[in-house]
């Protein structure tokens, strides 16, 4: 998980499983990635994965407290807005790259 910052409290042994969870939902349902601002990433997903995304983002925010995730519906899809402080924008770079790679 190249984008995982040192501030992450998730035990190293659990990180590959968490990465796999993100990769799976990106591969299965991701429809778009937008970098709204340096510290704001918007991910769009097909409908039907909201509960899964809420669970995954809640667990990620619990171990990496600098994340601000918002999950909501917009125009028939699930939208996840991810915000981080200015000193953590490299984390969003990594997530955006991972998401883009899942679509290839």
PDB file of N, CA and C in Angstrom:
ATOM      1  N   UNK A   1       0.851  -1.176   0.000  1.00  0.00           N
ATOM      2  CA  UNK A   1       0.000   0.000   0.000  1.00  0.00           C
ATOM      3  C   UNK A   1       0.893   1.234   0.000  1.00  0.00           C
ATOM      4  N   UNK A   2       1.327   1.600  -1.156  1.00  0.00           N
ATOM      5  CA  UNK A   2       2.269   2.705  -1.281  1.00  0.00           C
ATOM      6  C   UNK A   2       1.701   4.020  -0.764  1.00  0.00           C
ATOM      7  N   UNK A   3       0.387   4.180  -0.791  1.00  0.00           N
ATOM      8  CA  UNK A   3      -0.192   5.455  -0.370  1.00  0.00           C
ATOM      9  C   UNK A   3      -0.489   5.509   1.118  1.00  0.00           C
ATOM     10  N   UNK A   4      -0.218   4.456   1.865  1.00  0.00           N
ATOM     11  CA  UNK A   4      -0.519   4.444   3.298  1.00  0.00           C
ATOM     12  C   UNK A   4       0.503   5.289   4.043  1.00  0.00           C
ATOM     13  N   UNK A   5       0.055   6.320   4.740  1.00  0.00           N
ATOM     14  CA  UNK A   5       0.981   7.180   5.475  1.00  0.00           C
ATOM     15  C   UNK A   5       1.447   6.527   6.771  1.00  0.00           C
ATOM     16  N   UNK A   6       2.550   7.033   7.289  1.00  0.00           N
ATOM     17  CA  UNK A   6       3.082   6.492   8.540  1.00  0.00           C
ATOM     18  C   UNK A   6       2.119   6.731   9.705  1.00  0.00           C
ATOM     19  N   UNK A   7       1.215   7.687   9.582  1.00  0.00           N
ATOM     20  CA  UNK A   7       0.251   7.989  10.645  1.00  0.00           C
ATOM     21  C   UNK A   7      -0.859   6.946  10.741  1.00  0.00           C
ATOM     22  N   UNK A   8      -0.904   5.993   9.825  1.00  0.00           N
ATOM     23  CA  UNK A   8      -1.951   4.977   9.838  1.00  0.00           C
ATOM     24  C   UNK A   8      -1.777   4.064  11.040  1.00  0.00           C
ATOM     25  N   UNK A   9      -2.850   3.867  11.797  1.00  0.00           N
ATOM     26  CA  UNK A   9      -2.813   3.028  12.994  1.00  0.00           C
ATOM     27  C   UNK A   9      -3.203   1.578  12.707  1.00  0.00           C
ATOM     28  N   UNK A  10      -3.548   1.264  11.457  1.00  0.00           N
ATOM     29  CA  UNK A  10      -3.896  -0.105  11.107  1.00  0.00           C
ATOM     30  C   UNK A  10      -2.628  -0.957  11.170  1.00  0.00           C
ATOM     31  N   UNK A  11      -2.674  -2.065  11.886  1.00  0.00           N
ATOM     32  CA  UNK A  11      -1.481  -2.915  11.960  1.00  0.00           C
ATOM     33  C   UNK A  11      -1.007  -3.336  10.564  1.00  0.00           C
ATOM     34  N   UNK A  12       0.282  -3.347  10.366  1.00  0.00           N
ATOM     35  CA  UNK A  12       0.860  -3.678   9.060  1.00  0.00           C
ATOM     36  C   UNK A  12       0.340  -4.991   8.504  1.00  0.00           C
ATOM     37  N   UNK A  13       0.124  -5.965   9.349  1.00  0.00           N
ATOM     38  CA  UNK A  13      -0.350  -7.274   8.898  1.00  0.00           C
ATOM     39  C   UNK A  13      -1.757  -7.205   8.301  1.00  0.00           C
ATOM     40  N   UNK A  14      -2.539  -6.201   8.695  1.00  0.00           N
ATOM     41  CA  UNK A  14      -3.913  -6.069   8.200  1.00  0.00           C
ATOM     42  C   UNK A  14      -4.018  -5.186   6.957  1.00  0.00           C
ATOM     43  N   UNK A  15      -2.958  -4.497   6.610  1.00  0.00           N
ATOM     44  CA  UNK A  15      -3.009  -3.550   5.487  1.00  0.00           C
ATOM     45  C   UNK A  15      -3.271  -4.208   4.133  1.00  0.00           C
ATOM     46  N   UNK A  16      -2.664  -5.369   3.826  1.00  0.00           N
ATOM     47  CA  UNK A  16      -2.978  -5.982   2.523  1.00  0.00           C
ATOM     48  C   UNK A  16      -4.454  -6.326   2.362  1.00  0.00           C
ATOM     49  N   UNK A  17      -5.100  -6.768   3.419  1.00  0.00           N
ATOM     50  CA  UNK A  17      -6.529  -7.089   3.339  1.00  0.00           C
ATOM     51  C   UNK A  17      -7.357  -5.833   3.100  1.00  0.00           C
ATOM     52  N   UNK A  18      -7.002  -4.736   3.761  1.00  0.00           N
ATOM     53  CA  UNK A  18      -7.731  -3.481   3.558  1.00  0.00           C
ATOM     54  C   UNK A  18      -7.533  -2.984   2.131  1.00  0.00           C
ATOM     55  N   UNK A  19      -6.310  -3.062   1.637  1.00  0.00           N
ATOM     56  CA  UNK A  19      -6.034  -2.671   0.259  1.00  0.00           C
ATOM     57  C   UNK A  19      -6.873  -3.503  -0.700  1.00  0.00           C
ATOM     58  N   UNK A  20      -6.963  -4.796  -0.440  1.00  0.00           N
ATOM     59  CA  UNK A  20      -7.752  -5.681  -1.298  1.00  0.00           C
ATOM     60  C   UNK A  20      -9.233  -5.295  -1.279  1.00  0.00           C
ATOM     61  N   UNK A  21      -9.732  -4.850  -0.125  1.00  0.00           N
ATOM     62  CA  UNK A  21     -11.125  -4.409  -0.050  1.00  0.00           C
ATOM     63  C   UNK A  21     -11.357  -3.195  -0.946  1.00  0.00           C
ATOM     64  N   UNK A  22     -10.435  -2.220  -0.885  1.00  0.00           N
ATOM     65  CA  UNK A  22     -10.556  -1.047  -1.749  1.00  0.00           C
ATOM     66  C   UNK A  22     -10.457  -1.462  -3.215  1.00  0.00           C
ATOM     67  N   UNK A  23      -9.482  -2.295  -3.546  1.00  0.00           N
ATOM     68  CA  UNK A  23      -9.303  -2.721  -4.931  1.00  0.00           C
ATOM     69  C   UNK A  23     -10.550  -3.436  -5.453  1.00  0.00           C
ATOM     70  N   UNK A  24     -11.152  -4.274  -4.617  1.00  0.00           N
ATOM     71  CA  UNK A  24     -12.335  -5.025  -5.046  1.00  0.00           C
ATOM     72  C   UNK A  24     -13.510  -4.106  -5.341  1.00  0.00           C
ATOM     73  N   UNK A  25     -13.791  -3.168  -4.453  1.00  0.00           N
ATOM     74  CA  UNK A  25     -14.932  -2.277  -4.691  1.00  0.00           C
ATOM     75  C   UNK A  25     -14.643  -1.336  -5.863  1.00  0.00           C
ATOM     76  N   UNK A  26     -13.387  -0.921  -6.038  1.00  0.00           N
ATOM     77  CA  UNK A  26     -13.038  -0.108  -7.205  1.00  0.00           C
ATOM     78  C   UNK A  26     -13.281  -0.915  -8.484  1.00  0.00           C
ATOM     79  N   UNK A  27     -12.813  -2.151  -8.518  1.00  0.00           N
ATOM     80  CA  UNK A  27     -12.941  -2.983  -9.721  1.00  0.00           C
ATOM     81  C   UNK A  27     -14.402  -3.320 -10.031  1.00  0.00           C
ATOM     82  N   UNK A  28     -15.196  -3.530  -8.994  1.00  0.00           N
ATOM     83  CA  UNK A  28     -16.579  -3.952  -9.187  1.00  0.00           C
ATOM     84  C   UNK A  28     -17.547  -2.818  -9.497  1.00  0.00           C
ATOM     85  N   UNK A  29     -17.316  -1.649  -8.924  1.00  0.00           N
ATOM     86  CA  UNK A  29     -18.387  -0.648  -8.995  1.00  0.00           C
ATOM     87  C   UNK A  29     -17.950   0.780  -9.325  1.00  0.00           C
ATOM     88  N   UNK A  30     -16.663   1.069  -9.378  1.00  0.00           N
ATOM     89  CA  UNK A  30     -16.212   2.443  -9.617  1.00  0.00           C
ATOM     90  C   UNK A  30     -16.586   2.902 -11.021  1.00  0.00           C
ATOM     91  N   UNK A  31     -17.171   4.094 -11.106  1.00  0.00           N
ATOM     92  CA  UNK A  31     -17.541   4.643 -12.412  1.00  0.00           C
ATOM     93  C   UNK A  31     -16.815   5.951 -12.726  1.00  0.00           C
ATOM     94  N   UNK A  32     -16.187   6.570 -11.726  1.00  0.00           N
ATOM     95  CA  UNK A  32     -15.500   7.824 -12.004  1.00  0.00           C
ATOM     96  C   UNK A  32     -14.641   8.294 -10.847  1.00  0.00           C
ATOM     97  N   UNK A  33     -13.609   9.034 -11.215  1.00  0.00           N
ATOM     98  CA  UNK A  33     -12.679   9.615 -10.247  1.00  0.00           C
ATOM     99  C   UNK A  33     -12.471  11.067 -10.636  1.00  0.00           C
ATOM    100  N   UNK A  34     -12.680  11.969  -9.687  1.00  0.00           N
ATOM    101  CA  UNK A  34     -12.475  13.399  -9.943  1.00  0.00           C
ATOM    102  C   UNK A  34     -11.619  13.982  -8.836  1.00  0.00           C
ATOM    103  N   UNK A  35     -10.599  14.708  -9.193  1.00  0.00           N
ATOM    104  CA  UNK A  35      -9.807  15.432  -8.197  1.00  0.00           C
ATOM    105  C   UNK A  35     -10.377  16.845  -8.167  1.00  0.00           C
ATOM    106  N   UNK A  36     -11.200  17.115  -7.165  1.00  0.00           N
ATOM    107  CA  UNK A  36     -11.902  18.384  -7.082  1.00  0.00           C
ATOM    108  C   UNK A  36     -10.975  19.530  -6.688  1.00  0.00           C
ATOM    109  N   UNK A  37     -10.075  19.240  -5.763  1.00  0.00           N
ATOM    110  CA  UNK A  37      -9.069  20.185  -5.259  1.00  0.00           C
ATOM    111  C   UNK A  37      -7.900  19.330  -4.801  1.00  0.00           C
ATOM    112  N   UNK A  38      -6.750  19.923  -4.484  1.00  0.00           N
ATOM    113  CA  UNK A  38      -5.632  19.096  -4.031  1.00  0.00           C
ATOM    114  C   UNK A  38      -5.972  18.182  -2.851  1.00  0.00           C
ATOM    115  N   UNK A  39      -6.804  18.644  -1.933  1.00  0.00           N
ATOM    116  CA  UNK A  39      -7.157  17.847  -0.765  1.00  0.00           C
ATOM    117  C   UNK A  39      -8.530  17.222  -0.820  1.00  0.00           C
ATOM    118  N   UNK A  40      -9.107  17.114  -2.022  1.00  0.00           N
ATOM    119  CA  UNK A  40     -10.472  16.593  -2.160  1.00  0.00           C
ATOM    120  C   UNK A  40     -10.558  15.696  -3.386  1.00  0.00           C
ATOM    121  N   UNK A  41     -10.927  14.450  -3.153  1.00  0.00           N
ATOM    122  CA  UNK A  41     -11.094  13.457  -4.207  1.00  0.00           C
ATOM    123  C   UNK A  41     -12.539  12.982  -4.176  1.00  0.00           C
ATOM    124  N   UNK A  42     -13.157  12.899  -5.342  1.00  0.00           N
ATOM    125  CA  UNK A  42     -14.534  12.385  -5.438  1.00  0.00           C
ATOM    126  C   UNK A  42     -14.504  11.092  -6.241  1.00  0.00           C
ATOM    127  N   UNK A  43     -15.063  10.050  -5.637  1.00  0.00           N
ATOM    128  CA  UNK A  43     -15.161   8.739  -6.270  1.00  0.00           C
ATOM    129  C   UNK A  43     -16.634   8.437  -6.502  1.00  0.00           C
ATOM    130  N   UNK A  44     -16.969   7.979  -7.699  1.00  0.00           N
ATOM    131  CA  UNK A  44     -18.346   7.663  -8.045  1.00  0.00           C
ATOM    132  C   UNK A  44     -18.469   6.162  -8.289  1.00  0.00           C
ATOM    133  N   UNK A  45     -19.561   5.582  -7.754  1.00  0.00           N
ATOM    134  CA  UNK A  45     -19.782   4.144  -7.842  1.00  0.00           C
ATOM    135  C   UNK A  45     -21.197   3.850  -8.309  1.00  0.00           C
ATOM    136  N   UNK A  46     -21.349   2.690  -8.952  1.00  0.00           N
ATOM    137  CA  UNK A  46     -22.693   2.216  -9.290  1.00  0.00           C
ATOM    138  C   UNK A  46     -23.486   2.045  -8.003  1.00  0.00           C
ATOM    139  N   UNK A  47     -24.780   2.202  -8.107  1.00  0.00           N
ATOM    140  CA  UNK A  47     -25.659   2.025  -6.956  1.00  0.00           C
ATOM    141  C   UNK A  47     -25.564   0.583  -6.455  1.00  0.00           C
ATOM    142  N   UNK A  48     -25.813   0.379  -5.183  1.00  0.00           N
ATOM    143  CA  UNK A  48     -25.819  -0.949  -4.611  1.00  0.00           C
ATOM    144  C   UNK A  48     -24.634  -1.263  -3.714  1.00  0.00           C
ATOM    145  N   UNK A  49     -23.700  -0.335  -3.582  1.00  0.00           N
ATOM    146  CA  UNK A  49     -22.520  -0.579  -2.742  1.00  0.00           C
ATOM    147  C   UNK A  49     -22.418   0.410  -1.582  1.00  0.00           C
ATOM    148  N   UNK A  50     -23.485   1.138  -1.320  1.00  0.00           N
ATOM    149  CA  UNK A  50     -23.418   2.174  -0.294  1.00  0.00           C
ATOM    150  C   UNK A  50     -23.065   1.607   1.081  1.00  0.00           C
ATOM    151  N   UNK A  51     -23.731   0.551   1.513  1.00  0.00           N
ATOM    152  CA  UNK A  51     -23.457  -0.013   2.843  1.00  0.00           C
ATOM    153  C   UNK A  51     -22.014  -0.487   2.936  1.00  0.00           C
ATOM    154  N   UNK A  52     -21.549  -1.122   1.904  1.00  0.00           N
ATOM    155  CA  UNK A  52     -20.157  -1.596   1.863  1.00  0.00           C
ATOM    156  C   UNK A  52     -19.175  -0.431   1.955  1.00  0.00           C
ATOM    157  N   UNK A  53     -19.451   0.633   1.206  1.00  0.00           N
ATOM    158  CA  UNK A  53     -18.570   1.803   1.230  1.00  0.00           C
ATOM    159  C   UNK A  53     -18.621   2.520   2.575  1.00  0.00           C
ATOM    160  N   UNK A  54     -19.790   2.611   3.165  1.00  0.00           N
ATOM    161  CA  UNK A  54     -19.892   3.244   4.487  1.00  0.00           C
ATOM    162  C   UNK A  54     -19.075   2.469   5.517  1.00  0.00           C
ATOM    163  N   UNK A  55     -19.157   1.148   5.479  1.00  0.00           N
ATOM    164  CA  UNK A  55     -18.390   0.320   6.402  1.00  0.00           C
ATOM    165  C   UNK A  55     -16.888   0.474   6.161  1.00  0.00           C
ATOM    166  N   UNK A  56     -16.473   0.375   4.917  1.00  0.00           N
ATOM    167  CA  UNK A  56     -15.054   0.460   4.575  1.00  0.00           C
ATOM    168  C   UNK A  56     -14.467   1.824   4.929  1.00  0.00           C
ATOM    169  N   UNK A  57     -15.179   2.899   4.582  1.00  0.00           N
ATOM    170  CA  UNK A  57     -14.651   4.233   4.878  1.00  0.00           C
ATOM    171  C   UNK A  57     -14.658   4.526   6.371  1.00  0.00           C
ATOM    172  N   UNK A  58     -15.633   3.998   7.105  1.00  0.00           N
ATOM    173  CA  UNK A  58     -15.652   4.193   8.567  1.00  0.00           C
ATOM    174  C   UNK A  58     -14.449   3.506   9.205  1.00  0.00           C
ATOM    175  N   UNK A  59     -14.148   2.296   8.754  1.00  0.00           N
ATOM    176  CA  UNK A  59     -12.984   1.590   9.303  1.00  0.00           C
ATOM    177  C   UNK A  59     -11.681   2.281   8.926  1.00  0.00           C
ATOM    178  N   UNK A  60     -11.615   2.819   7.720  1.00  0.00           N
ATOM    179  CA  UNK A  60     -10.397   3.520   7.302  1.00  0.00           C
ATOM    180  C   UNK A  60     -10.214   4.817   8.086  1.00  0.00           C
ATOM    181  N   UNK A  61     -11.296   5.552   8.303  1.00  0.00           N
ATOM    182  CA  UNK A  61     -11.210   6.791   9.085  1.00  0.00           C
ATOM    183  C   UNK A  61     -10.824   6.509  10.531  1.00  0.00           C
ATOM    184  N   UNK A  62     -11.214   5.341  11.046  1.00  0.00           N
ATOM    185  CA  UNK A  62     -10.880   4.987  12.429  1.00  0.00           C
ATOM    186  C   UNK A  62      -9.386   4.759  12.614  1.00  0.00           C
ATOM    187  N   UNK A  63      -8.711   4.260  11.584  1.00  0.00           N
ATOM    188  CA  UNK A  63      -7.274   4.006  11.734  1.00  0.00           C
ATOM    189  C   UNK A  63      -6.430   5.157  11.195  1.00  0.00           C
ATOM    190  N   UNK A  64      -6.988   5.956  10.332  1.00  0.00           N
ATOM    191  CA  UNK A  64      -6.287   7.123   9.773  1.00  0.00           C
ATOM    192  C   UNK A  64      -7.183   8.336   9.999  1.00  0.00           C
ATOM    193  N   UNK A  65      -7.073   8.929  11.167  1.00  0.00           N
ATOM    194  CA  UNK A  65      -7.983   9.971  11.607  1.00  0.00           C
ATOM    195  C   UNK A  65      -7.976  11.250  10.790  1.00  0.00           C
ATOM    196  N   UNK A  66      -7.004  11.410   9.912  1.00  0.00           N
ATOM    197  CA  UNK A  66      -6.955  12.632   9.100  1.00  0.00           C
ATOM    198  C   UNK A  66      -7.938  12.585   7.941  1.00  0.00           C
ATOM    199  N   UNK A  67      -8.480  11.393   7.621  1.00  0.00           N
ATOM    200  CA  UNK A  67      -9.449  11.280   6.528  1.00  0.00           C
ATOM    201  C   UNK A  67     -10.792  11.846   6.936  1.00  0.00           C
ATOM    202  N   UNK A  68     -11.445  12.515   6.001  1.00  0.00           N
ATOM    203  CA  UNK A  68     -12.834  12.938   6.146  1.00  0.00           C
ATOM    204  C   UNK A  68     -13.575  12.338   4.961  1.00  0.00           C
ATOM    205  N   UNK A  69     -14.332  11.270   5.204  1.00  0.00           N
ATOM    206  CA  UNK A  69     -15.110  10.607   4.165  1.00  0.00           C
ATOM    207  C   UNK A  69     -16.567  11.020   4.285  1.00  0.00           C
ATOM    208  N   UNK A  70     -17.195  11.302   3.154  1.00  0.00           N
ATOM    209  CA  UNK A  70     -18.631  11.532   3.089  1.00  0.00           C
ATOM    210  C   UNK A  70     -19.186  10.626   2.006  1.00  0.00           C
ATOM    211  N   UNK A  71     -20.157   9.805   2.366  1.00  0.00           N
ATOM    212  CA  UNK A  71     -20.787   8.891   1.421  1.00  0.00           C
ATOM    213  C   UNK A  71     -22.229   9.340   1.247  1.00  0.00           C
ATOM    214  N   UNK A  72     -22.647   9.558  -0.011  1.00  0.00           N
ATOM    215  CA  UNK A  72     -24.022   9.980  -0.267  1.00  0.00           C
ATOM    216  C   UNK A  72     -24.460   9.559  -1.672  1.00  0.00           C
ATOM    217  N   UNK A  73     -25.761   9.698  -1.931  1.00  0.00           N
ATOM    218  CA  UNK A  73     -26.313   9.425  -3.261  1.00  0.00           C
ATOM    219  C   UNK A  73     -26.391  10.724  -4.049  1.00  0.00           C
ATOM    220  N   UNK A  74     -26.120  10.625  -5.331  1.00  0.00           N
ATOM    221  CA  UNK A  74     -26.284  11.760  -6.238  1.00  0.00           C
ATOM    222  C   UNK A  74     -26.530  11.210  -7.634  1.00  0.00           C
ATOM    223  N   UNK A  75     -27.610  11.600  -8.221  1.00  0.00           N
ATOM    224  CA  UNK A  75     -27.925  11.242  -9.602  1.00  0.00           C
ATOM    225  C   UNK A  75     -27.838   9.741  -9.854  1.00  0.00           C
ATOM    226  N   UNK A  76     -28.414   8.931  -8.958  1.00  0.00           N
ATOM    227  CA  UNK A  76     -28.495   7.502  -9.159  1.00  0.00           C
ATOM    228  C   UNK A  76     -27.224   6.717  -8.924  1.00  0.00           C
ATOM    229  N   UNK A  77     -26.255   7.326  -8.278  1.00  0.00           N
ATOM    230  CA  UNK A  77     -25.023   6.614  -7.962  1.00  0.00           C
ATOM    231  C   UNK A  77     -24.579   6.955  -6.549  1.00  0.00           C
ATOM    232  N   UNK A  78     -23.616   6.205  -6.064  1.00  0.00           N
ATOM    233  CA  UNK A  78     -23.058   6.458  -4.738  1.00  0.00           C
ATOM    234  C   UNK A  78     -21.794   7.287  -4.924  1.00  0.00           C
ATOM    235  N   UNK A  79     -21.700   8.364  -4.175  1.00  0.00           N
ATOM    236  CA  UNK A  79     -20.555   9.264  -4.269  1.00  0.00           C
ATOM    237  C   UNK A  79     -19.814   9.239  -2.933  1.00  0.00           C
ATOM    238  N   UNK A  80     -18.501   9.094  -3.014  1.00  0.00           N
ATOM    239  CA  UNK A  80     -17.653   9.159  -1.835  1.00  0.00           C
ATOM    240  C   UNK A  80     -16.712  10.333  -2.017  1.00  0.00           C
ATOM    241  N   UNK A  81     -16.863  11.321  -1.155  1.00  0.00           N
ATOM    242  CA  UNK A  81     -15.930  12.443  -1.133  1.00  0.00           C
ATOM    243  C   UNK A  81     -14.896  12.158  -0.064  1.00  0.00           C
ATOM    244  N   UNK A  82     -13.638  12.266  -0.439  1.00  0.00           N
ATOM    245  CA  UNK A  82     -12.529  12.035   0.478  1.00  0.00           C
ATOM    246  C   UNK A  82     -11.761  13.336   0.595  1.00  0.00           C
ATOM    247  N   UNK A  83     -11.652  13.827   1.814  1.00  0.00           N
ATOM    248  CA  UNK A  83     -10.888  15.060   2.053  1.00  0.00           C
ATOM    249  C   UNK A  83      -9.779  14.772   3.050  1.00  0.00           C
ATOM    250  N   UNK A  84      -8.640  15.435   2.829  1.00  0.00           N
ATOM    251  CA  UNK A  84      -7.500  15.305   3.733  1.00  0.00           C
ATOM    252  C   UNK A  84      -6.870  16.686   3.905  1.00  0.00           C
ATOM    253  N   UNK A  85      -6.110  16.880   4.984  1.00  0.00           N
ATOM    254  CA  UNK A  85      -5.391  18.139   5.163  1.00  0.00           C
ATOM    255  C   UNK A  85      -4.299  18.301   4.095  1.00  0.00           C
ATOM    256  N   UNK A  86      -3.833  19.513   3.929  1.00  0.00           N
ATOM    257  CA  UNK A  86      -2.844  19.824   2.896  1.00  0.00           C
ATOM    258  C   UNK A  86      -1.593  18.960   2.979  1.00  0.00           C
ATOM    259  N   UNK A  87      -1.175  18.583   4.176  1.00  0.00           N
ATOM    260  CA  UNK A  87       0.057  17.790   4.291  1.00  0.00           C
ATOM    261  C   UNK A  87      -0.163  16.305   3.985  1.00  0.00           C
ATOM    262  N   UNK A  88      -1.385  15.913   3.641  1.00  0.00           N
ATOM    263  CA  UNK A  88      -1.687  14.509   3.316  1.00  0.00           C
ATOM    264  C   UNK A  88      -2.189  14.337   1.880  1.00  0.00           C
ATOM    265  N   UNK A  89      -2.014  15.333   1.022  1.00  0.00           N
ATOM    266  CA  UNK A  89      -2.526  15.220  -0.347  1.00  0.00           C
ATOM    267  C   UNK A  89      -1.864  14.088  -1.127  1.00  0.00           C
ATOM    268  N   UNK A  90      -0.661  13.712  -0.758  1.00  0.00           N
ATOM    269  CA  UNK A  90      -0.002  12.592  -1.438  1.00  0.00           C
ATOM    270  C   UNK A  90      -0.804  11.303  -1.240  1.00  0.00           C
ATOM    271  N   UNK A  91      -1.525  11.208  -0.129  1.00  0.00           N
ATOM    272  CA  UNK A  91      -2.382  10.044   0.114  1.00  0.00           C
ATOM    273  C   UNK A  91      -3.486   9.995  -0.946  1.00  0.00           C
ATOM    274  N   UNK A  92      -4.066  11.144  -1.250  1.00  0.00           N
ATOM    275  CA  UNK A  92      -5.100  11.171  -2.287  1.00  0.00           C
ATOM    276  C   UNK A  92      -4.531  10.830  -3.651  1.00  0.00           C
ATOM    277  N   UNK A  93      -3.294  11.239  -3.906  1.00  0.00           N
ATOM    278  CA  UNK A  93      -2.637  10.864  -5.163  1.00  0.00           C
ATOM    279  C   UNK A  93      -2.611   9.341  -5.296  1.00  0.00           C
ATOM    280  N   UNK A  94      -2.256   8.672  -4.209  1.00  0.00           N
ATOM    281  CA  UNK A  94      -2.178   7.219  -4.221  1.00  0.00           C
ATOM    282  C   UNK A  94      -3.528   6.557  -4.395  1.00  0.00           C
ATOM    283  N   UNK A  95      -4.538   7.068  -3.699  1.00  0.00           N
ATOM    284  CA  UNK A  95      -5.883   6.503  -3.832  1.00  0.00           C
ATOM    285  C   UNK A  95      -6.401   6.708  -5.252  1.00  0.00           C
ATOM    286  N   UNK A  96      -6.190   7.897  -5.809  1.00  0.00           N
ATOM    287  CA  UNK A  96      -6.628   8.176  -7.168  1.00  0.00           C
ATOM    288  C   UNK A  96      -5.938   7.243  -8.165  1.00  0.00           C
ATOM    289  N   UNK A  97      -4.643   7.005  -7.966  1.00  0.00           N
ATOM    290  CA  UNK A  97      -3.905   6.107  -8.847  1.00  0.00           C
ATOM    291  C   UNK A  97      -4.418   4.675  -8.709  1.00  0.00           C
ATOM    292  N   UNK A  98      -4.687   4.251  -7.494  1.00  0.00           N
ATOM    293  CA  UNK A  98      -5.220   2.907  -7.269  1.00  0.00           C
ATOM    294  C   UNK A  98      -6.581   2.763  -7.947  1.00  0.00           C
ATOM    295  N   UNK A  99      -7.432   3.769  -7.783  1.00  0.00           N
ATOM    296  CA  UNK A  99      -8.763   3.724  -8.390  1.00  0.00           C
ATOM    297  C   UNK A  99      -8.654   3.704  -9.907  1.00  0.00           C
ATOM    298  N   UNK A 100      -7.798   4.543 -10.479  1.00  0.00           N
ATOM    299  CA  UNK A 100      -7.622   4.577 -11.933  1.00  0.00           C
ATOM    300  C   UNK A 100      -7.085   3.242 -12.435  1.00  0.00           C
ATOM    301  N   UNK A 101      -6.188   2.632 -11.681  1.00  0.00           N
ATOM    302  CA  UNK A 101      -5.644   1.327 -12.070  1.00  0.00           C
ATOM    303  C   UNK A 101      -6.674   0.226 -12.055  1.00  0.00           C
ATOM    304  N   UNK A 102      -7.659   0.342 -11.190  1.00  0.00           N
ATOM    305  CA  UNK A 102      -8.706  -0.678 -11.093  1.00  0.00           C
ATOM    306  C   UNK A 102      -9.594  -0.656 -12.327  1.00  0.00           C
ATOM    307  N   UNK A 103      -9.653   0.489 -12.983  1.00  0.00           N
ATOM    308  CA  UNK A 103     -10.487   0.608 -14.175  1.00  0.00           C
ATOM    309  C   UNK A 103      -9.793   0.169 -15.438  1.00  0.00           C
ATOM    310  N   UNK A 104      -8.494  -0.174 -15.347  1.00  0.00           N
ATOM    311  CA  UNK A 104      -7.786  -0.571 -16.566  1.00  0.00           C
ATOM    312  C   UNK A 104      -7.901  -2.038 -16.846  1.00  0.00           C
TER     313      UNK A 104
END
